Amino acid sequence: MPLLLVILLSCCPAWAAENLWTINPENSSVNFQIKNMMVVTVKGEFTDFSGTVHYDGSDLQDAVVTAEIIVNSIDTGVPKRDLHLKNNDFFDIIHYPTISFKSKKIVPEESGAFKIIGILSMHGVLKPVTLSAQPLKIKSDASGKTKLSTVATTTLNRKDFGISMGWMDQGGAAIADKVKVILNIELMQAG
């Protein structure tokens, strides 16, 4: 980190805090959808997650996104299925308790939408992932605090991350390989 930036951050903590946004878990969600038996779409979510965005409010290209999901918080509405997803057939939460993401670059589009390109770490595997995000919406709450929101989506192949049931998982007949991820995110300024 350049010395001038270190001096500025240490002398001006309020200035630095203005650029730090945190995910508001009360108005955010991490959802997924996957086909089961090639017919039924299983929907679920992770209920325990956190993240930050360093963003000056004007230049998305300079923003940095980090996020973490606690895998044990998976909820598909069926407790027995959730327990199975947590064991070593799937997420293996004993060895891989978290999923994390860190952006490498953000590419704004003329429409206001943007791509968040980064590295996803899941099940001990790191892979590049691109999230397609809708234009940021800006609003103020009753106390006058500014909030930003967006919806970002991506599709992952679970087998790319080593999440497979072995011989029972051939051809995607029982469970599809592709998982759609939908992130509804609201950001609040830190502090």
Protein backbone atom coordinates (compact mmCIF):
# COMPACT_ATOMS: atom_id res chain seq x y z
CA MET A 1 0.00 0.00 0.00
CA PRO A 2 1.51 3.39 -0.93
CA LEU A 3 2.71 5.42 2.06
CA LEU A 4 0.50 8.42 1.17
CA LEU A 5 -2.62 6.21 1.27
CA VAL A 6 -1.62 4.76 4.65
CA ILE A 7 -1.15 8.29 6.03
CA LEU A 8 -4.50 9.45 4.62
CA LEU A 9 -6.35 6.44 6.05
CA SER A 10 -4.77 6.82 9.48
CA CYS A 11 -5.35 10.60 9.63
CA CYS A 12 -8.83 10.57 8.16
CA PRO A 13 -10.77 7.52 9.43
CA ALA A 14 -14.12 9.20 8.69
CA TRP A 15 -13.11 9.64 5.06
CA ALA A 16 -12.13 5.98 4.80
CA ALA A 17 -15.35 4.84 6.54
CA GLU A 18 -17.47 6.76 4.02
CA ASN A 19 -16.15 4.43 1.32
CA LEU A 20 -16.89 1.24 3.27
CA TRP A 21 -20.28 -0.39 2.83
CA THR A 22 -21.49 -3.54 4.59
CA ILE A 23 -24.15 -6.02 3.57
CA ASN A 24 -27.35 -5.53 5.56
CA PRO A 25 -28.44 -9.13 6.30
CA GLU A 26 -31.95 -8.02 7.28
CA ASN A 27 -32.71 -6.87 3.73
CA SER A 28 -30.41 -9.20 1.77
CA SER A 29 -30.59 -12.85 0.75
CA VAL A 30 -28.38 -15.54 -0.78
CA ASN A 31 -30.61 -17.91 -2.76
CA PHE A 32 -30.03 -20.83 -5.09
CA GLN A 33 -32.04 -23.09 -7.39
CA ILE A 34 -31.16 -26.55 -8.74
CA LYS A 35 -33.10 -29.21 -10.61
CA ASN A 36 -33.75 -32.48 -8.79
CA MET A 37 -34.64 -35.64 -10.76
CA MET A 38 -34.60 -33.42 -13.90
CA VAL A 39 -38.10 -32.15 -13.05
CA VAL A 40 -38.44 -30.50 -9.64
CA THR A 41 -36.63 -27.23 -8.92
CA VAL A 42 -35.27 -27.22 -5.38
CA LYS A 43 -34.94 -23.73 -3.95
CA GLY A 44 -32.85 -22.84 -0.97
CA GLU A 45 -30.88 -20.15 0.77
CA PHE A 46 -27.99 -19.49 3.08
CA THR A 47 -29.14 -17.43 6.05
CA ASP A 48 -25.76 -16.52 7.61
CA PHE A 49 -23.54 -14.33 5.43
CA SER A 50 -21.59 -11.11 5.55
CA GLY A 51 -19.63 -8.88 3.24
CA THR A 52 -18.13 -5.50 2.54
CA VAL A 53 -17.78 -3.25 -0.47
CA HIS A 54 -15.16 -0.52 -0.74
CA TYR A 55 -16.86 1.98 -3.05
CA ASP A 56 -16.52 5.76 -3.29
CA GLY A 57 -20.04 6.21 -4.64
CA SER A 58 -18.94 7.23 -8.11
CA ASP A 59 -16.51 4.82 -9.77
CA LEU A 60 -17.58 1.17 -9.75
CA GLN A 61 -14.37 0.14 -11.51
CA ASP A 62 -12.43 0.90 -8.33
CA ALA A 63 -14.84 -0.94 -6.01
CA VAL A 64 -13.76 -4.08 -4.16
CA VAL A 65 -16.27 -6.70 -2.98
CA THR A 66 -15.65 -9.39 -0.37
CA ALA A 67 -18.22 -11.79 1.04
CA GLU A 68 -18.44 -14.91 3.20
CA ILE A 69 -21.23 -17.46 3.62
CA ILE A 70 -21.51 -19.89 6.54
CA VAL A 71 -22.42 -23.18 4.83
CA ASN A 72 -24.07 -24.58 7.98
CA SER A 73 -26.83 -21.99 7.45
CA ILE A 74 -28.16 -23.76 4.32
CA ASP A 75 -31.96 -23.98 4.34
CA THR A 76 -34.03 -25.72 1.66
CA GLY A 77 -37.13 -26.02 3.82
CA VAL A 78 -36.52 -29.75 4.36
CA PRO A 79 -34.33 -30.40 7.46
CA LYS A 80 -33.42 -33.96 6.39
CA ARG A 81 -32.21 -32.72 3.00
CA ASP A 82 -30.28 -29.88 4.66
CA LEU A 83 -28.44 -32.39 6.88
CA HIS A 84 -27.56 -34.45 3.81
CA LEU A 85 -26.26 -31.36 1.99
CA LYS A 86 -24.02 -30.56 4.97
CA ASN A 87 -22.36 -33.98 5.09
CA ASN A 88 -19.37 -35.16 3.06
CA ASP A 89 -21.56 -36.22 0.08
CA PHE A 90 -21.95 -32.52 -0.71
CA PHE A 91 -20.63 -29.47 1.17
CA ASP A 92 -18.67 -31.35 3.90
CA ILE A 93 -19.05 -28.50 6.39
CA ILE A 94 -16.59 -30.05 8.86
CA HIS A 95 -13.73 -29.47 6.39
CA TYR A 96 -15.20 -26.56 4.40
CA PRO A 97 -17.36 -24.43 6.71
CA THR A 98 -17.40 -21.28 4.56
CA ILE A 99 -17.82 -20.08 0.99
CA SER A 100 -15.97 -16.87 0.18
CA PHE A 101 -15.76 -14.43 -2.72
CA LYS A 102 -13.36 -11.60 -3.53
CA SER A 103 -13.72 -9.41 -6.57
CA LYS A 104 -10.81 -8.87 -8.95
CA LYS A 105 -12.50 -6.27 -11.14
CA ILE A 106 -15.85 -4.69 -11.82
CA VAL A 107 -16.96 -3.88 -15.35
CA PRO A 108 -19.73 -1.26 -15.65
CA GLU A 109 -22.06 -1.39 -18.65
CA GLU A 110 -23.75 1.53 -20.41
CA SER A 111 -27.14 0.46 -19.02
CA GLY A 112 -25.91 0.88 -15.44
CA ALA A 113 -25.70 -2.89 -14.97
CA PHE A 114 -22.26 -4.28 -14.15
CA LYS A 115 -20.22 -7.47 -13.99
CA ILE A 116 -18.39 -8.44 -10.81
CA ILE A 117 -15.48 -10.71 -11.72
CA GLY A 118 -13.76 -12.48 -8.87
CA ILE A 119 -12.62 -15.67 -7.21
CA LEU A 120 -15.07 -17.97 -5.44
CA SER A 121 -13.69 -20.37 -2.84
CA MET A 122 -16.02 -23.29 -2.15
CA HIS A 123 -15.39 -26.84 -0.95
CA GLY A 124 -11.62 -26.22 -1.01
CA VAL A 125 -11.62 -25.16 -4.68
CA LEU A 126 -10.93 -21.66 -6.02
CA LYS A 127 -12.52 -20.74 -9.35
CA PRO A 128 -13.13 -17.52 -11.28
CA VAL A 129 -16.78 -16.46 -11.27
CA THR A 130 -18.66 -13.61 -12.92
CA LEU A 131 -21.74 -12.13 -11.27
CA SER A 132 -24.17 -10.16 -13.45
CA ALA A 133 -25.56 -7.29 -11.38
CA GLN A 134 -28.48 -4.97 -12.02
CA PRO A 135 -27.92 -1.20 -11.81
CA LEU A 136 -27.41 0.07 -8.26
CA LYS A 137 -30.46 1.61 -6.62
CA ILE A 138 -29.86 4.39 -4.12
CA LYS A 139 -32.27 5.19 -1.31
CA SER A 140 -32.30 6.77 2.13
CA ASP A 141 -33.89 5.23 5.20
CA ALA A 142 -35.96 7.10 7.81
CA SER A 143 -32.82 8.24 9.63
CA GLY A 144 -31.34 9.66 6.41
CA LYS A 145 -28.70 6.95 5.96
CA THR A 146 -27.93 6.12 2.35
CA LYS A 147 -28.40 2.53 1.22
CA LEU A 148 -27.49 0.84 -2.05
CA SER A 149 -29.14 -2.26 -3.45
CA THR A 150 -28.75 -4.60 -6.39
CA VAL A 151 -29.59 -8.11 -7.54
CA ALA A 152 -26.72 -10.22 -8.87
CA THR A 153 -26.92 -13.65 -10.48
CA THR A 154 -24.60 -16.34 -11.73
CA THR A 155 -24.74 -20.02 -12.65
CA LEU A 156 -22.22 -22.43 -11.14
CA ASN A 157 -21.37 -26.00 -12.01
CA ARG A 158 -21.19 -27.72 -8.61
CA LYS A 159 -18.86 -30.40 -9.99
CA ASP A 160 -16.28 -27.70 -10.81
CA PHE A 161 -16.01 -27.31 -7.03
CA GLY A 162 -15.82 -31.05 -6.31
CA ILE A 163 -19.39 -31.26 -5.02
CA SER A 164 -20.52 -34.64 -6.27
CA MET A 165 -22.13 -37.86 -5.04
CA GLY A 166 -19.62 -40.04 -6.87
CA TRP A 167 -20.99 -42.91 -8.96
CA MET A 168 -24.59 -41.97 -8.03
CA ASP A 169 -24.07 -38.61 -9.69
CA GLN A 170 -23.43 -39.62 -13.29
CA GLY A 171 -25.23 -37.66 -16.00
CA GLY A 172 -27.02 -35.24 -13.68
CA ALA A 173 -30.16 -37.40 -13.56
CA ALA A 174 -30.58 -37.24 -9.79
CA ILE A 175 -29.33 -33.70 -9.29
CA ALA A 176 -28.46 -31.20 -12.01
CA ASP A 177 -24.88 -30.04 -12.32
CA LYS A 178 -25.78 -26.37 -12.74
CA VAL A 179 -26.92 -24.24 -9.82
CA LYS A 180 -28.45 -20.80 -10.30
CA VAL A 181 -27.40 -18.31 -7.61
CA ILE A 182 -29.46 -15.17 -6.90
CA LEU A 183 -28.09 -12.52 -4.55
CA ASN A 184 -30.40 -9.76 -3.33
CA ILE A 185 -28.04 -7.32 -1.67
CA GLU A 186 -28.60 -4.16 0.33
CA LEU A 187 -25.54 -2.20 1.43
CA MET A 188 -25.28 0.26 4.31
CA GLN A 189 -22.47 2.69 4.93
CA ALA A 190 -20.27 1.46 7.76
CA GLY A 191 -20.09 3.48 10.93
